[in-house]
All heavy atoms as atom14 arrays in JSON, in Angstrom:
{
  "sequence": "VLHLLAAAGASAGFSGALSAKEAKAPPKPQNVVSPDQALKFLHEGNQ",
  "atom14_mask": [
    [1, 1, 1, 1, 1, 1, 1, 0, 0, 0, 0, 0, 0, 0],
    [1, 1, 1, 1, 1, 1, 1, 1, 0, 0, 0, 0, 0, 0],
    [1, 1, 1, 1, 1, 1, 1, 1, 1, 1, 0, 0, 0, 0],
    [1, 1, 1, 1, 1, 1, 1, 1, 0, 0, 0, 0, 0, 0],
    [1, 1, 1, 1, 1, 1, 1, 1, 0, 0, 0, 0, 0, 0],
    [1, 1, 1, 1, 1, 0, 0, 0, 0, 0, 0, 0, 0, 0],
    [1, 1, 1, 1, 1, 0, 0, 0, 0, 0, 0, 0, 0, 0],
    [1, 1, 1, 1, 1, 0, 0, 0, 0, 0, 0, 0, 0, 0],
    [1, 1, 1, 1, 0, 0, 0, 0, 0, 0, 0, 0, 0, 0],
    [1, 1, 1, 1, 1, 0, 0, 0, 0, 0, 0, 0, 0, 0],
    [1, 1, 1, 1, 1, 1, 0, 0, 0, 0, 0, 0, 0, 0],
    [1, 1, 1, 1, 1, 0, 0, 0, 0, 0, 0, 0, 0, 0],
    [1, 1, 1, 1, 0, 0, 0, 0, 0, 0, 0, 0, 0, 0],
    [1, 1, 1, 1, 1, 1, 1, 1, 1, 1, 1, 0, 0, 0],
    [1, 1, 1, 1, 1, 1, 0, 0, 0, 0, 0, 0, 0, 0],
    [1, 1, 1, 1, 0, 0, 0, 0, 0, 0, 0, 0, 0, 0],
    [1, 1, 1, 1, 1, 0, 0, 0, 0, 0, 0, 0, 0, 0],
    [1, 1, 1, 1, 1, 1, 1, 1, 0, 0, 0, 0, 0, 0],
    [1, 1, 1, 1, 1, 1, 0, 0, 0, 0, 0, 0, 0, 0],
    [1, 1, 1, 1, 1, 0, 0, 0, 0, 0, 0, 0, 0, 0],
    [1, 1, 1, 1, 1, 1, 1, 1, 1, 0, 0, 0, 0, 0],
    [1, 1, 1, 1, 1, 1, 1, 1, 1, 0, 0, 0, 0, 0],
    [1, 1, 1, 1, 1, 0, 0, 0, 0, 0, 0, 0, 0, 0],
    [1, 1, 1, 1, 1, 1, 1, 1, 1, 0, 0, 0, 0, 0],
    [1, 1, 1, 1, 1, 0, 0, 0, 0, 0, 0, 0, 0, 0],
    [1, 1, 1, 1, 1, 1, 1, 0, 0, 0, 0, 0, 0, 0],
    [1, 1, 1, 1, 1, 1, 1, 0, 0, 0, 0, 0, 0, 0],
    [1, 1, 1, 1, 1, 1, 1, 1, 1, 0, 0, 0, 0, 0],
    [1, 1, 1, 1, 1, 1, 1, 0, 0, 0, 0, 0, 0, 0],
    [1, 1, 1, 1, 1, 1, 1, 1, 1, 0, 0, 0, 0, 0],
    [1, 1, 1, 1, 1, 1, 1, 1, 0, 0, 0, 0, 0, 0],
    [1, 1, 1, 1, 1, 1, 1, 0, 0, 0, 0, 0, 0, 0],
    [1, 1, 1, 1, 1, 1, 1, 0, 0, 0, 0, 0, 0, 0],
    [1, 1, 1, 1, 1, 1, 0, 0, 0, 0, 0, 0, 0, 0],
    [1, 1, 1, 1, 1, 1, 1, 0, 0, 0, 0, 0, 0, 0],
    [1, 1, 1, 1, 1, 1, 1, 1, 0, 0, 0, 0, 0, 0],
    [1, 1, 1, 1, 1, 1, 1, 1, 1, 0, 0, 0, 0, 0],
    [1, 1, 1, 1, 1, 0, 0, 0, 0, 0, 0, 0, 0, 0],
    [1, 1, 1, 1, 1, 1, 1, 1, 0, 0, 0, 0, 0, 0],
    [1, 1, 1, 1, 1, 1, 1, 1, 1, 0, 0, 0, 0, 0],
    [1, 1, 1, 1, 1, 1, 1, 1, 1, 1, 1, 0, 0, 0],
    [1, 1, 1, 1, 1, 1, 1, 1, 0, 0, 0, 0, 0, 0],
    [1, 1, 1, 1, 1, 1, 1, 1, 1, 1, 0, 0, 0, 0],
    [1, 1, 1, 1, 1, 1, 1, 1, 1, 0, 0, 0, 0, 0],
    [1, 1, 1, 1, 0, 0, 0, 0, 0, 0, 0, 0, 0, 0],
    [1, 1, 1, 1, 1, 1, 1, 1, 0, 0, 0, 0, 0, 0],
    [1, 1, 1, 1, 1, 1, 1, 1, 1, 0, 0, 0, 0, 0]
  ],
  "atom14_positions": [
    [[-110.46, -30.05, 96.65], [-110.43, -30.93, 95.47], [-109.56, -32.15, 95.74], [-109.89, -33.25, 95.34], [-109.91, -30.18, 94.23], [-109.74, -31.11, 93.07], [-110.9, -29.08, 93.86], [0.0, 0.0, 0.0], [0.0, 0.0, 0.0], [0.0, 0.0, 0.0], [0.0, 0.0, 0.0], [0.0, 0.0, 0.0], [0.0, 0.0, 0.0], [0.0, 0.0, 0.0]],
    [[-108.42, -31.96, 96.4], [-107.57, -33.1, 96.73], [-108.27, -34.09, 97.65], [-108.1, -35.3, 97.51], [-106.26, -32.59, 97.4], [-105.27, -31.94, 96.45], [-104.07, -31.42, 97.23], [-104.81, -32.91, 95.38], [0.0, 0.0, 0.0], [0.0, 0.0, 0.0], [0.0, 0.0, 0.0], [0.0, 0.0, 0.0], [0.0, 0.0, 0.0], [0.0, 0.0, 0.0]],
    [[-109.09, -33.54, 98.54], [-109.87, -34.43, 99.42], [-110.84, -35.24, 98.59], [-111.07, -36.44, 98.84], [-110.59, -33.61, 100.47], [-109.72, -33.17, 101.61], [-109.88, -33.6, 102.89], [-108.67, -32.34, 101.64], [-108.96, -33.05, 103.69], [-108.21, -32.27, 102.9], [0.0, 0.0, 0.0], [0.0, 0.0, 0.0], [0.0, 0.0, 0.0], [0.0, 0.0, 0.0]],
    [[-111.43, -34.58, 97.57], [-112.35, -35.31, 96.68], [-111.61, -36.4, 95.92], [-112.11, -37.52, 95.77], [-112.97, -34.33, 95.68], [-114.0, -33.32, 96.24], [-114.43, -32.36, 95.16], [-115.19, -34.04, 96.82], [0.0, 0.0, 0.0], [0.0, 0.0, 0.0], [0.0, 0.0, 0.0], [0.0, 0.0, 0.0], [0.0, 0.0, 0.0], [0.0, 0.0, 0.0]],
    [[-110.4, -36.09, 95.45], [-109.6, -37.07, 94.73], [-109.23, -38.22, 95.61], [-109.26, -39.37, 95.22], [-108.33, -36.41, 94.14], [-108.56, -35.41, 93.04], [-107.24, -34.75, 92.63], [-109.17, -36.11, 91.83], [0.0, 0.0, 0.0], [0.0, 0.0, 0.0], [0.0, 0.0, 0.0], [0.0, 0.0, 0.0], [0.0, 0.0, 0.0], [0.0, 0.0, 0.0]],
    [[-108.84, -37.92, 96.86], [-108.49, -38.98, 97.82], [-109.67, -39.87, 98.08], [-109.53, -41.1, 98.14], [-107.93, -38.34, 99.1], [0.0, 0.0, 0.0], [0.0, 0.0, 0.0], [0.0, 0.0, 0.0], [0.0, 0.0, 0.0], [0.0, 0.0, 0.0], [0.0, 0.0, 0.0], [0.0, 0.0, 0.0], [0.0, 0.0, 0.0], [0.0, 0.0, 0.0]],
    [[-110.84, -39.27, 98.25], [-112.03, -40.05, 98.49], [-112.37, -40.91, 97.28], [-112.76, -42.07, 97.4], [-113.21, -39.13, 98.82], [0.0, 0.0, 0.0], [0.0, 0.0, 0.0], [0.0, 0.0, 0.0], [0.0, 0.0, 0.0], [0.0, 0.0, 0.0], [0.0, 0.0, 0.0], [0.0, 0.0, 0.0], [0.0, 0.0, 0.0], [0.0, 0.0, 0.0]],
    [[-112.18, -40.32, 96.09], [-112.43, -41.08, 94.87], [-111.47, -42.24, 94.76], [-111.84, -43.33, 94.31], [-112.3, -40.16, 93.64], [0.0, 0.0, 0.0], [0.0, 0.0, 0.0], [0.0, 0.0, 0.0], [0.0, 0.0, 0.0], [0.0, 0.0, 0.0], [0.0, 0.0, 0.0], [0.0, 0.0, 0.0], [0.0, 0.0, 0.0], [0.0, 0.0, 0.0]],
    [[-110.22, -42.02, 95.13], [-109.21, -43.07, 95.09], [-109.6, -44.21, 95.99], [-109.49, -45.37, 95.61], [0.0, 0.0, 0.0], [0.0, 0.0, 0.0], [0.0, 0.0, 0.0], [0.0, 0.0, 0.0], [0.0, 0.0, 0.0], [0.0, 0.0, 0.0], [0.0, 0.0, 0.0], [0.0, 0.0, 0.0], [0.0, 0.0, 0.0], [0.0, 0.0, 0.0]],
    [[-110.11, -43.92, 97.17], [-110.53, -44.97, 98.09], [-111.69, -45.74, 97.53], [-111.74, -46.97, 97.56], [-110.92, -44.35, 99.43], [0.0, 0.0, 0.0], [0.0, 0.0, 0.0], [0.0, 0.0, 0.0], [0.0, 0.0, 0.0], [0.0, 0.0, 0.0], [0.0, 0.0, 0.0], [0.0, 0.0, 0.0], [0.0, 0.0, 0.0], [0.0, 0.0, 0.0]],
    [[-112.67, -45.02, 96.92], [-113.81, -45.7, 96.36], [-113.5, -46.44, 95.11], [-114.19, -47.36, 94.73], [-114.93, -44.69, 96.1], [-114.53, -43.79, 95.05], [0.0, 0.0, 0.0], [0.0, 0.0, 0.0], [0.0, 0.0, 0.0], [0.0, 0.0, 0.0], [0.0, 0.0, 0.0], [0.0, 0.0, 0.0], [0.0, 0.0, 0.0], [0.0, 0.0, 0.0]],
    [[-112.38, -46.04, 94.41], [-112.02, -46.71, 93.17], [-111.16, -47.94, 93.4], [-110.77, -48.62, 92.48], [-111.26, -45.73, 92.27], [0.0, 0.0, 0.0], [0.0, 0.0, 0.0], [0.0, 0.0, 0.0], [0.0, 0.0, 0.0], [0.0, 0.0, 0.0], [0.0, 0.0, 0.0], [0.0, 0.0, 0.0], [0.0, 0.0, 0.0], [0.0, 0.0, 0.0]],
    [[-110.82, -48.23, 94.67], [-110.12, -49.45, 94.92], [-108.69, -49.28, 95.43], [-108.01, -50.26, 95.62], [0.0, 0.0, 0.0], [0.0, 0.0, 0.0], [0.0, 0.0, 0.0], [0.0, 0.0, 0.0], [0.0, 0.0, 0.0], [0.0, 0.0, 0.0], [0.0, 0.0, 0.0], [0.0, 0.0, 0.0], [0.0, 0.0, 0.0], [0.0, 0.0, 0.0]],
    [[-108.24, -48.01, 95.64], [-106.88, -47.81, 96.15], [-106.71, -48.46, 97.5], [-105.66, -49.0, 97.82], [-106.61, -46.31, 96.21], [-105.25, -45.98, 96.74], [-104.14, -46.27, 95.99], [-105.1, -45.38, 98.0], [-102.85, -45.96, 96.47], [-103.85, -45.08, 98.46], [-102.74, -45.36, 97.71], [0.0, 0.0, 0.0], [0.0, 0.0, 0.0], [0.0, 0.0, 0.0]],
    [[-107.73, -48.44, 98.32], [-107.65, -49.03, 99.65], [-108.0, -50.53, 99.61], [-108.03, -51.17, 100.66], [-108.59, -48.29, 100.61], [-109.94, -48.45, 100.17], [0.0, 0.0, 0.0], [0.0, 0.0, 0.0], [0.0, 0.0, 0.0], [0.0, 0.0, 0.0], [0.0, 0.0, 0.0], [0.0, 0.0, 0.0], [0.0, 0.0, 0.0], [0.0, 0.0, 0.0]],
    [[-108.32, -51.03, 98.46], [-108.66, -52.46, 98.35], [-110.05, -52.77, 98.79], [-110.36, -53.91, 99.09], [0.0, 0.0, 0.0], [0.0, 0.0, 0.0], [0.0, 0.0, 0.0], [0.0, 0.0, 0.0], [0.0, 0.0, 0.0], [0.0, 0.0, 0.0], [0.0, 0.0, 0.0], [0.0, 0.0, 0.0], [0.0, 0.0, 0.0], [0.0, 0.0, 0.0]],
    [[-110.91, -51.75, 98.8], [-112.28, -51.98, 99.3], [-113.15, -52.72, 98.32], [-114.06, -53.43, 98.7], [-112.9, -50.62, 99.63], [0.0, 0.0, 0.0], [0.0, 0.0, 0.0], [0.0, 0.0, 0.0], [0.0, 0.0, 0.0], [0.0, 0.0, 0.0], [0.0, 0.0, 0.0], [0.0, 0.0, 0.0], [0.0, 0.0, 0.0], [0.0, 0.0, 0.0]],
    [[-112.87, -52.53, 96.99], [-113.69, -53.18, 96.01], [-113.23, -54.64, 95.8], [-112.07, -54.96, 95.92], [-113.63, -52.42, 94.69], [-114.25, -51.03, 94.7], [-114.14, -50.44, 93.3], [-115.71, -51.06, 95.14], [0.0, 0.0, 0.0], [0.0, 0.0, 0.0], [0.0, 0.0, 0.0], [0.0, 0.0, 0.0], [0.0, 0.0, 0.0], [0.0, 0.0, 0.0]],
    [[-114.16, -55.47, 95.42], [-113.82, -56.84, 95.12], [-113.17, -56.9, 93.75], [-113.26, -55.97, 92.95], [-115.09, -57.72, 95.11], [-115.92, -57.32, 94.05], [0.0, 0.0, 0.0], [0.0, 0.0, 0.0], [0.0, 0.0, 0.0], [0.0, 0.0, 0.0], [0.0, 0.0, 0.0], [0.0, 0.0, 0.0], [0.0, 0.0, 0.0], [0.0, 0.0, 0.0]],
    [[-112.51, -57.98, 93.45], [-111.85, -58.15, 92.15], [-112.88, -58.05, 91.01], [-112.58, -57.57, 89.91], [-111.12, -59.48, 92.08], [0.0, 0.0, 0.0], [0.0, 0.0, 0.0], [0.0, 0.0, 0.0], [0.0, 0.0, 0.0], [0.0, 0.0, 0.0], [0.0, 0.0, 0.0], [0.0, 0.0, 0.0], [0.0, 0.0, 0.0], [0.0, 0.0, 0.0]],
    [[-114.08, -58.5, 91.27], [-115.13, -58.49, 90.25], [-115.51, -57.06, 89.91], [-115.79, -56.72, 88.77], [-116.35, -59.28, 90.73], [-117.46, -59.34, 89.69], [-118.61, -60.19, 90.21], [-119.77, -60.24, 89.21], [-120.87, -61.04, 89.69], [0.0, 0.0, 0.0], [0.0, 0.0, 0.0], [0.0, 0.0, 0.0], [0.0, 0.0, 0.0], [0.0, 0.0, 0.0]],
    [[-115.59, -56.2, 90.95], [-116.02, -54.82, 90.74], [-114.9, -53.95, 90.21], [-115.15, -52.99, 89.49], [-116.53, -54.25, 92.07], [-117.8, -54.9, 92.58], [-118.15, -54.4, 93.99], [-117.23, -54.44, 94.85], [-119.27, -54.01, 94.18], [0.0, 0.0, 0.0], [0.0, 0.0, 0.0], [0.0, 0.0, 0.0], [0.0, 0.0, 0.0], [0.0, 0.0, 0.0]],
    [[-113.65, -54.26, 90.59], [-112.53, -53.4, 90.21], [-112.26, -53.56, 88.72], [-112.26, -54.65, 88.15], [-111.29, -53.79, 91.0], [0.0, 0.0, 0.0], [0.0, 0.0, 0.0], [0.0, 0.0, 0.0], [0.0, 0.0, 0.0], [0.0, 0.0, 0.0], [0.0, 0.0, 0.0], [0.0, 0.0, 0.0], [0.0, 0.0, 0.0], [0.0, 0.0, 0.0]],
    [[-111.95, -52.42, 88.07], [-111.66, -52.43, 86.65], [-110.24, -52.92, 86.42], [-109.29, -52.5, 87.09], [-111.79, -51.03, 86.09], [-111.6, -50.91, 84.58], [-111.84, -49.49, 84.15], [-111.62, -49.35, 82.62], [-111.81, -47.94, 82.19], [0.0, 0.0, 0.0], [0.0, 0.0, 0.0], [0.0, 0.0, 0.0], [0.0, 0.0, 0.0], [0.0, 0.0, 0.0]],
    [[-110.05, -53.79, 85.48], [-108.7, -54.33, 85.17], [-107.8, -53.21, 84.67], [-108.24, -52.4, 83.84], [-108.8, -55.43, 84.15], [0.0, 0.0, 0.0], [0.0, 0.0, 0.0], [0.0, 0.0, 0.0], [0.0, 0.0, 0.0], [0.0, 0.0, 0.0], [0.0, 0.0, 0.0], [0.0, 0.0, 0.0], [0.0, 0.0, 0.0], [0.0, 0.0, 0.0]],
    [[-106.56, -53.15, 85.14], [-105.63, -52.11, 84.68], [-105.28, -52.29, 83.22], [-105.16, -53.43, 82.76], [-104.42, -52.31, 85.59], [-104.46, -53.74, 85.97], [-105.93, -54.08, 86.1], [0.0, 0.0, 0.0], [0.0, 0.0, 0.0], [0.0, 0.0, 0.0], [0.0, 0.0, 0.0], [0.0, 0.0, 0.0], [0.0, 0.0, 0.0], [0.0, 0.0, 0.0]],
    [[-105.1, -51.2, 82.46], [-104.77, -51.35, 81.03], [-103.42, -51.98, 80.8], [-103.19, -52.58, 79.77], [-104.83, -49.88, 80.55], [-104.66, -49.05, 81.77], [-105.28, -49.81, 82.88], [0.0, 0.0, 0.0], [0.0, 0.0, 0.0], [0.0, 0.0, 0.0], [0.0, 0.0, 0.0], [0.0, 0.0, 0.0], [0.0, 0.0, 0.0], [0.0, 0.0, 0.0]],
    [[-102.49, -51.81, 81.73], [-101.18, -52.44, 81.63], [-100.9, -53.28, 82.89], [-100.31, -52.82, 83.83], [-100.08, -51.4, 81.42], [-100.26, -50.51, 80.2], [-99.07, -49.68, 79.85], [-98.03, -50.49, 79.12], [-96.94, -49.66, 78.55], [0.0, 0.0, 0.0], [0.0, 0.0, 0.0], [0.0, 0.0, 0.0], [0.0, 0.0, 0.0], [0.0, 0.0, 0.0]],
    [[-101.41, -54.51, 82.91], [-101.26, -55.38, 84.08], [-99.81, -55.54, 84.53], [-99.53, -55.74, 85.71], [-101.86, -56.71, 83.63], [-102.77, -56.37, 82.51], [-102.14, -55.21, 81.83], [0.0, 0.0, 0.0], [0.0, 0.0, 0.0], [0.0, 0.0, 0.0], [0.0, 0.0, 0.0], [0.0, 0.0, 0.0], [0.0, 0.0, 0.0], [0.0, 0.0, 0.0]],
    [[-98.86, -55.49, 83.56], [-97.46, -55.65, 83.9], [-96.92, -54.53, 84.78], [-95.85, -54.64, 85.35], [-96.63, -55.78, 82.61], [-96.57, -54.53, 81.77], [-97.67, -54.46, 80.71], [-98.79, -54.97, 80.96], [-97.4, -53.83, 79.6], [0.0, 0.0, 0.0], [0.0, 0.0, 0.0], [0.0, 0.0, 0.0], [0.0, 0.0, 0.0], [0.0, 0.0, 0.0]],
    [[-97.67, -53.44, 84.84], [-97.24, -52.29, 85.66], [-97.71, -52.38, 87.13], [-97.39, -51.52, 87.93], [-97.73, -50.99, 85.07], [-96.96, -50.58, 83.83], [-95.98, -51.22, 83.48], [-97.37, -49.49, 83.16], [0.0, 0.0, 0.0], [0.0, 0.0, 0.0], [0.0, 0.0, 0.0], [0.0, 0.0, 0.0], [0.0, 0.0, 0.0], [0.0, 0.0, 0.0]],
    [[-98.49, -53.39, 87.44], [-98.97, -53.56, 88.84], [-97.88, -54.31, 89.58], [-97.84, -55.53, 89.59], [-100.29, -54.33, 88.88], [-100.78, -54.49, 90.32], [-101.35, -53.64, 88.03], [0.0, 0.0, 0.0], [0.0, 0.0, 0.0], [0.0, 0.0, 0.0], [0.0, 0.0, 0.0], [0.0, 0.0, 0.0], [0.0, 0.0, 0.0], [0.0, 0.0, 0.0]],
    [[-96.97, -53.54, 90.19], [-95.77, -54.11, 90.82], [-95.5, -53.45, 92.15], [-96.11, -52.44, 92.5], [-94.52, -53.96, 89.9], [-94.69, -54.75, 88.64], [-94.29, -52.48, 89.58], [0.0, 0.0, 0.0], [0.0, 0.0, 0.0], [0.0, 0.0, 0.0], [0.0, 0.0, 0.0], [0.0, 0.0, 0.0], [0.0, 0.0, 0.0], [0.0, 0.0, 0.0]],
    [[-94.58, -53.99, 92.9], [-94.16, -53.41, 94.19], [-93.22, -52.23, 93.92], [-92.68, -52.09, 92.8], [-93.41, -54.47, 95.01], [-92.17, -54.78, 94.39], [0.0, 0.0, 0.0], [0.0, 0.0, 0.0], [0.0, 0.0, 0.0], [0.0, 0.0, 0.0], [0.0, 0.0, 0.0], [0.0, 0.0, 0.0], [0.0, 0.0, 0.0], [0.0, 0.0, 0.0]],
    [[-92.98, -51.39, 94.92], [-92.04, -50.29, 94.75], [-90.64, -50.75, 94.31], [-90.01, -50.15, 93.46], [-92.0, -49.67, 96.15], [-93.37, -49.91, 96.71], [-93.69, -51.28, 96.21], [0.0, 0.0, 0.0], [0.0, 0.0, 0.0], [0.0, 0.0, 0.0], [0.0, 0.0, 0.0], [0.0, 0.0, 0.0], [0.0, 0.0, 0.0], [0.0, 0.0, 0.0]],
    [[-90.18, -51.86, 94.93], [-88.84, -52.39, 94.56], [-88.8, -52.88, 93.12], [-87.81, -52.7, 92.4], [-88.42, -53.48, 95.52], [-88.06, -53.0, 96.9], [-87.71, -51.8, 97.0], [-88.12, -53.76, 97.86], [0.0, 0.0, 0.0], [0.0, 0.0, 0.0], [0.0, 0.0, 0.0], [0.0, 0.0, 0.0], [0.0, 0.0, 0.0], [0.0, 0.0, 0.0]],
    [[-89.88, -53.54, 92.67], [-89.92, -54.02, 91.3], [-89.99, -52.84, 90.32], [-89.38, -52.92, 89.24], [-91.12, -54.95, 91.11], [-91.2, -55.59, 89.71], [-90.02, -56.49, 89.42], [-89.63, -57.29, 90.26], [-89.43, -56.37, 88.24], [0.0, 0.0, 0.0], [0.0, 0.0, 0.0], [0.0, 0.0, 0.0], [0.0, 0.0, 0.0], [0.0, 0.0, 0.0]],
    [[-90.69, -51.82, 90.7], [-90.78, -50.61, 89.84], [-89.41, -49.99, 89.67], [-89.03, -49.56, 88.59], [-91.77, -49.63, 90.44], [0.0, 0.0, 0.0], [0.0, 0.0, 0.0], [0.0, 0.0, 0.0], [0.0, 0.0, 0.0], [0.0, 0.0, 0.0], [0.0, 0.0, 0.0], [0.0, 0.0, 0.0], [0.0, 0.0, 0.0], [0.0, 0.0, 0.0]],
    [[-88.65, -49.93, 90.77], [-87.29, -49.39, 90.71], [-86.43, -50.27, 89.81], [-85.57, -49.78, 89.07], [-86.7, -49.28, 92.11], [-85.35, -48.61, 92.25], [-85.36, -47.2, 91.66], [-84.91, -48.59, 93.71], [0.0, 0.0, 0.0], [0.0, 0.0, 0.0], [0.0, 0.0, 0.0], [0.0, 0.0, 0.0], [0.0, 0.0, 0.0], [0.0, 0.0, 0.0]],
    [[-86.61, -51.57, 89.89], [-85.87, -52.5, 89.05], [-86.19, -52.27, 87.55], [-85.31, -52.27, 86.69], [-86.22, -53.94, 89.45], [-85.4, -55.01, 88.7], [-85.68, -56.36, 89.31], [-84.84, -57.49, 88.67], [-85.32, -57.82, 87.35], [0.0, 0.0, 0.0], [0.0, 0.0, 0.0], [0.0, 0.0, 0.0], [0.0, 0.0, 0.0], [0.0, 0.0, 0.0]],
    [[-87.46, -52.0, 87.28], [-87.87, -51.65, 85.89], [-87.09, -50.43, 85.38], [-86.62, -50.42, 84.25], [-89.36, -51.4, 85.83], [-90.22, -52.61, 85.83], [-91.62, -52.48, 85.85], [-89.68, -53.91, 85.81], [-92.44, -53.61, 85.84], [-90.51, -55.02, 85.83], [-91.88, -54.86, 85.85], [0.0, 0.0, 0.0], [0.0, 0.0, 0.0], [0.0, 0.0, 0.0]],
    [[-87.02, -49.41, 86.24], [-86.29, -48.2, 85.83], [-84.84, -48.47, 85.57], [-84.26, -48.02, 84.6], [-86.47, -47.1, 86.9], [-87.83, -46.45, 87.04], [-87.74, -45.34, 88.11], [-88.33, -45.9, 85.73], [0.0, 0.0, 0.0], [0.0, 0.0, 0.0], [0.0, 0.0, 0.0], [0.0, 0.0, 0.0], [0.0, 0.0, 0.0], [0.0, 0.0, 0.0]],
    [[-84.23, -49.25, 86.47], [-82.82, -49.59, 86.35], [-82.53, -50.36, 85.08], [-81.58, -50.05, 84.32], [-82.37, -50.37, 87.58], [-80.92, -50.81, 87.53], [-79.85, -49.92, 87.61], [-80.35, -52.04, 87.4], [-78.73, -50.58, 87.57], [-78.98, -51.85, 87.4], [0.0, 0.0, 0.0], [0.0, 0.0, 0.0], [0.0, 0.0, 0.0], [0.0, 0.0, 0.0]],
    [[-83.36, -51.34, 84.82], [-83.2, -52.16, 83.61], [-83.4, -51.34, 82.34], [-82.65, -51.49, 81.35], [-84.14, -53.34, 83.63], [-83.81, -54.36, 84.71], [-84.85, -55.43, 84.85], [-86.01, -55.28, 84.32], [-84.59, -56.47, 85.49], [0.0, 0.0, 0.0], [0.0, 0.0, 0.0], [0.0, 0.0, 0.0], [0.0, 0.0, 0.0], [0.0, 0.0, 0.0]],
    [[-84.39, -50.44, 82.36], [-84.64, -49.6, 81.22], [-83.48, -48.65, 80.96], [-83.13, -48.42, 79.77], [0.0, 0.0, 0.0], [0.0, 0.0, 0.0], [0.0, 0.0, 0.0], [0.0, 0.0, 0.0], [0.0, 0.0, 0.0], [0.0, 0.0, 0.0], [0.0, 0.0, 0.0], [0.0, 0.0, 0.0], [0.0, 0.0, 0.0], [0.0, 0.0, 0.0]],
    [[-82.94, -48.09, 82.03], [-81.79, -47.18, 81.84], [-80.57, -47.92, 81.31], [-79.82, -47.39, 80.47], [-81.46, -46.49, 83.18], [-80.37, -45.48, 83.03], [-79.31, -45.59, 83.69], [-80.54, -44.46, 82.19], [0.0, 0.0, 0.0], [0.0, 0.0, 0.0], [0.0, 0.0, 0.0], [0.0, 0.0, 0.0], [0.0, 0.0, 0.0], [0.0, 0.0, 0.0]],
    [[-80.39, -49.16, 81.76], [-79.29, -49.95, 81.23], [-79.42, -50.17, 79.74], [-78.43, -50.1, 78.98], [-79.21, -51.27, 81.98], [-78.62, -51.21, 83.35], [-78.47, -52.57, 84.01], [-79.3, -53.48, 83.87], [-77.35, -52.78, 84.7], [0.0, 0.0, 0.0], [0.0, 0.0, 0.0], [0.0, 0.0, 0.0], [0.0, 0.0, 0.0], [0.0, 0.0, 0.0]]
  ]
}
């Protein structure tokens, strides 16, 4: 099942295979960030 999920992730755009037109827009665009920015979000929220 995990292999199926991984394959689904690749086909859903995790690997960047889909074009911007085909890819579904994320419900919270502000959450599309780098690992460092995500950590900054957590730090700021905890503060």
